[in-house]
Amino acid sequence: MQRLGGKRAANHCRKPLINAGDGVGEHPTQALLDVFTIREEIGTVNGLTITMVGDLKHGRTVHSLARLLTLYNVQLRYVSPPELGIPMDVIQFVASKGIPQERFQSLEAALPETDVLYVTRIQRERFNSQEEYDKVCGLFIVTPQLMTRAKRKMVVMHPLPRVFEISPELDSDPRAAYFRQAECGMYVRMALLAMVLGK
């Protein structure tokens, strides 16, 4: 049986349909919980510089988050291997909303002004060969040493699961918000289900 795409299913469904992630496309429920987490951690979303790092081409979480962040006054930065850059349709959408965007080759260069570092893993299943994966894997790893370049008041987020793009040694850093982010996800999704069910 062929899988229906989210948009196609929504066109035929007479009941509310929640997109909880569709391949390499979008992940809107993750974007909602990410913005909720930023507000919980920092107190606001407006005025922040948000840096997205990793596989931005296939990372559906960053596609949705970049779009949602256009509702706020933010600056977006992208750090990725050249072949895994954020898709042009996302860049164009964000630009159409007047949000400043900047690409960086180096995490070290982007980090000092960053308020939210949003890290994504590079997923092996998105590549045709192990050789292609190995070429881009491990280029950007967040370590305690790297974080000495970061602001004291900022957060590191990750949609999880992580592989090795964030060192486990960073887990005890108060700026490491990814486990708190996962907890926020439970509450946001509970609220979303309650809204859809009319509770």
Protein backbone atom coordinates (compact mmCIF):
# COMPACT_ATOMS: atom_id res chain seq x y z
CA MET A 1 0.00 0.00 0.00
CA GLN A 2 1.36 3.40 -0.98
CA ARG A 3 1.78 5.96 1.80
CA LEU A 4 -0.28 9.12 1.46
CA GLY A 5 1.60 12.38 1.74
CA GLY A 6 0.50 14.75 4.52
CA LYS A 7 -0.93 17.34 2.13
CA ARG A 8 -2.76 14.72 0.11
CA ALA A 9 -4.20 13.11 3.22
CA ALA A 10 -5.31 16.51 4.55
CA ASN A 11 -7.16 17.19 1.30
CA HIS A 12 -9.25 14.04 1.74
CA CYS A 13 -9.73 14.02 5.49
CA ARG A 14 -12.84 15.58 7.00
CA LYS A 15 -11.37 15.56 10.51
CA PRO A 16 -8.42 17.57 11.85
CA LEU A 17 -5.11 16.13 10.70
CA ILE A 18 -1.90 16.83 12.60
CA ASN A 19 1.33 16.72 10.62
CA ALA A 20 3.79 15.16 13.04
CA GLY A 21 6.58 15.10 10.47
CA ASP A 22 6.64 14.17 6.80
CA GLY A 23 9.95 12.79 5.63
CA VAL A 24 12.28 15.63 4.64
CA GLY A 25 9.46 18.16 4.28
CA GLU A 26 8.09 19.74 7.43
CA HIS A 27 7.62 19.02 11.14
CA PRO A 28 5.21 21.69 12.42
CA THR A 29 4.53 20.18 15.86
CA GLN A 30 8.28 20.22 16.53
CA ALA A 31 8.42 23.89 15.49
CA LEU A 32 5.63 24.72 17.95
CA LEU A 33 7.44 23.05 20.83
CA ASP A 34 10.73 24.67 19.78
CA VAL A 35 9.24 28.17 19.97
CA PHE A 36 7.58 27.27 23.29
CA THR A 37 10.95 26.07 24.59
CA ILE A 38 12.69 29.28 23.50
CA ARG A 39 10.05 31.33 25.33
CA GLU A 40 10.37 29.17 28.44
CA GLU A 41 14.17 29.33 28.41
CA ILE A 42 14.80 32.94 27.40
CA GLY A 43 11.48 34.64 28.05
CA THR A 44 10.92 35.90 24.52
CA VAL A 45 11.59 35.03 20.90
CA ASN A 46 11.78 38.60 19.60
CA GLY A 47 15.21 40.13 19.15
CA LEU A 48 17.08 36.81 19.14
CA THR A 49 19.74 35.49 16.80
CA ILE A 50 18.96 31.85 16.09
CA THR A 51 21.64 29.67 14.50
CA MET A 52 20.66 26.39 12.86
CA VAL A 53 23.43 23.88 12.31
CA GLY A 54 23.76 20.45 10.71
CA ASP A 55 21.77 18.88 7.88
CA LEU A 56 19.57 21.81 6.93
CA LYS A 57 18.65 20.32 3.56
CA HIS A 58 16.90 17.21 4.89
CA GLY A 59 16.16 18.49 8.40
CA ARG A 60 12.39 18.89 8.42
CA THR A 61 12.52 20.43 11.91
CA VAL A 62 14.56 23.41 10.70
CA HIS A 63 12.30 23.90 7.66
CA SER A 64 9.26 24.32 9.90
CA LEU A 65 11.10 26.29 12.58
CA ALA A 66 12.50 28.82 10.09
CA ARG A 67 9.00 29.38 8.69
CA LEU A 68 7.42 29.76 12.14
CA LEU A 69 10.13 32.16 13.30
CA THR A 70 9.09 34.62 10.58
CA LEU A 71 6.25 35.58 12.94
CA TYR A 72 8.88 37.12 15.22
CA ASN A 73 11.61 39.74 15.00
CA VAL A 74 14.63 37.43 14.73
CA GLN A 75 17.84 36.96 12.78
CA LEU A 76 18.57 33.52 11.33
CA ARG A 77 21.99 32.01 10.73
CA TYR A 78 22.67 28.77 8.90
CA VAL A 79 25.74 26.57 9.37
CA SER A 80 26.01 23.41 7.28
CA PRO A 81 28.15 21.58 4.78
CA PRO A 82 27.60 23.27 1.37
CA GLU A 83 25.69 20.27 -0.01
CA LEU A 84 23.35 20.23 3.02
CA GLY A 85 22.29 23.88 2.99
CA ILE A 86 18.79 25.10 3.81
CA PRO A 87 16.48 24.68 0.79
CA MET A 88 15.95 27.68 -1.46
CA ASP A 89 12.17 27.63 -0.95
CA VAL A 90 12.69 28.09 2.81
CA ILE A 91 15.22 30.90 2.23
CA GLN A 92 12.82 32.64 -0.15
CA PHE A 93 9.89 32.30 2.25
CA VAL A 94 11.92 33.70 5.16
CA ALA A 95 13.24 36.54 2.96
CA SER A 96 9.70 37.39 1.82
CA LYS A 97 8.85 38.08 5.47
CA GLY A 98 11.78 40.47 5.88
CA ILE A 99 13.79 38.27 8.25
CA PRO A 100 17.59 38.71 7.97
CA GLN A 101 19.44 35.49 7.10
CA GLU A 102 23.12 34.70 6.88
CA ARG A 103 25.09 31.59 5.96
CA PHE A 104 28.28 30.61 7.75
CA GLN A 105 30.93 28.04 6.88
CA SER A 106 32.09 27.79 10.48
CA LEU A 107 30.21 27.28 13.72
CA GLU A 108 32.99 29.14 15.53
CA ALA A 109 32.22 32.27 13.48
CA ALA A 110 28.44 32.11 13.99
CA LEU A 111 28.42 31.20 17.68
CA PRO A 112 29.49 34.38 19.55
CA GLU A 113 26.32 36.35 18.63
CA THR A 114 23.98 33.37 18.89
CA ASP A 115 21.13 33.31 21.41
CA VAL A 116 19.70 29.94 20.35
CA LEU A 117 21.91 27.25 18.83
CA TYR A 118 19.62 24.72 17.13
CA VAL A 119 21.63 21.58 16.32
CA THR A 120 20.40 18.79 14.04
CA ARG A 121 21.98 15.43 13.34
CA ILE A 122 23.20 14.39 9.94
CA GLN A 123 21.11 11.31 9.20
CA ARG A 124 22.78 8.35 7.50
CA GLU A 125 19.51 7.29 5.84
CA ARG A 126 19.43 10.51 3.79
CA PHE A 127 22.53 9.51 1.80
CA ASN A 128 22.98 7.10 -1.09
CA SER A 129 26.30 5.78 0.18
CA GLN A 130 28.39 5.52 3.31
CA GLU A 131 31.10 7.50 1.52
CA GLU A 132 28.76 10.48 0.97
CA TYR A 133 27.71 10.35 4.62
CA ASP A 134 31.28 10.09 5.92
CA LYS A 135 32.25 13.16 3.86
CA VAL A 136 29.89 15.47 5.79
CA CYS A 137 29.58 13.67 9.09
CA GLY A 138 31.27 15.15 12.12
CA LEU A 139 32.05 18.57 10.62
CA PHE A 140 30.13 20.43 13.35
CA ILE A 141 30.32 19.06 16.87
CA VAL A 142 29.25 21.11 19.88
CA THR A 143 31.69 20.58 22.75
CA PRO A 144 32.31 22.34 26.07
CA GLN A 145 35.47 23.85 24.53
CA LEU A 146 33.48 25.27 21.59
CA MET A 147 30.90 26.68 24.02
CA THR A 148 33.55 28.90 25.61
CA ARG A 149 32.96 31.11 22.55
CA ALA A 150 29.22 31.33 23.26
CA LYS A 151 27.27 33.82 25.33
CA ARG A 152 26.70 32.97 28.97
CA LYS A 153 22.96 33.49 28.51
CA MET A 154 21.93 31.41 25.50
CA VAL A 155 20.56 27.92 24.88
CA VAL A 156 21.52 24.85 22.89
CA MET A 157 18.57 22.94 21.44
CA HIS A 158 18.28 19.69 19.49
CA PRO A 159 15.16 17.84 18.30
CA LEU A 160 16.79 14.55 19.37
CA PRO A 161 17.92 11.86 19.07
CA ARG A 162 21.49 12.99 18.86
CA VAL A 163 24.29 10.89 17.49
CA PHE A 164 27.57 12.69 18.22
CA GLU A 165 26.89 16.28 17.10
CA ILE A 166 26.61 17.37 20.74
CA SER A 167 29.16 16.01 23.17
CA PRO A 168 27.57 14.28 26.20
CA GLU A 169 29.97 16.38 28.29
CA LEU A 170 27.78 19.38 27.45
CA ASP A 171 24.70 17.83 29.12
CA SER A 172 25.54 19.37 32.50
CA ASP A 173 25.92 22.88 31.05
CA PRO A 174 22.87 24.98 32.08
CA ARG A 175 22.68 26.23 28.49
CA ALA A 176 22.00 22.68 27.27
CA ALA A 177 18.22 22.86 26.87
CA TYR A 178 17.57 19.79 24.69
CA PHE A 179 16.24 17.52 27.44
CA ARG A 180 14.02 20.31 28.75
CA GLN A 181 12.97 20.84 25.13
CA ALA A 182 11.86 17.21 24.92
CA GLU A 183 9.76 17.69 28.06
CA CYS A 184 8.18 20.82 26.56
CA GLY A 185 7.31 18.69 23.55
CA MET A 186 5.09 16.48 25.66
CA TYR A 187 3.13 19.46 26.99
CA VAL A 188 2.77 21.18 23.61
CA ARG A 189 1.57 17.99 21.93
CA MET A 190 -0.87 17.32 24.78
CA ALA A 191 -2.27 20.84 24.33
CA LEU A 192 -2.50 20.39 20.56
CA LEU A 193 -4.39 17.11 20.94
CA ALA A 194 -6.73 18.72 23.49
CA MET A 195 -7.44 21.58 21.09
CA VAL A 196 -8.13 19.23 18.18
CA LEU A 197 -10.39 17.03 20.32
CA GLY A 198 -12.23 20.05 21.69
CA LYS A 199 -11.24 19.44 25.31
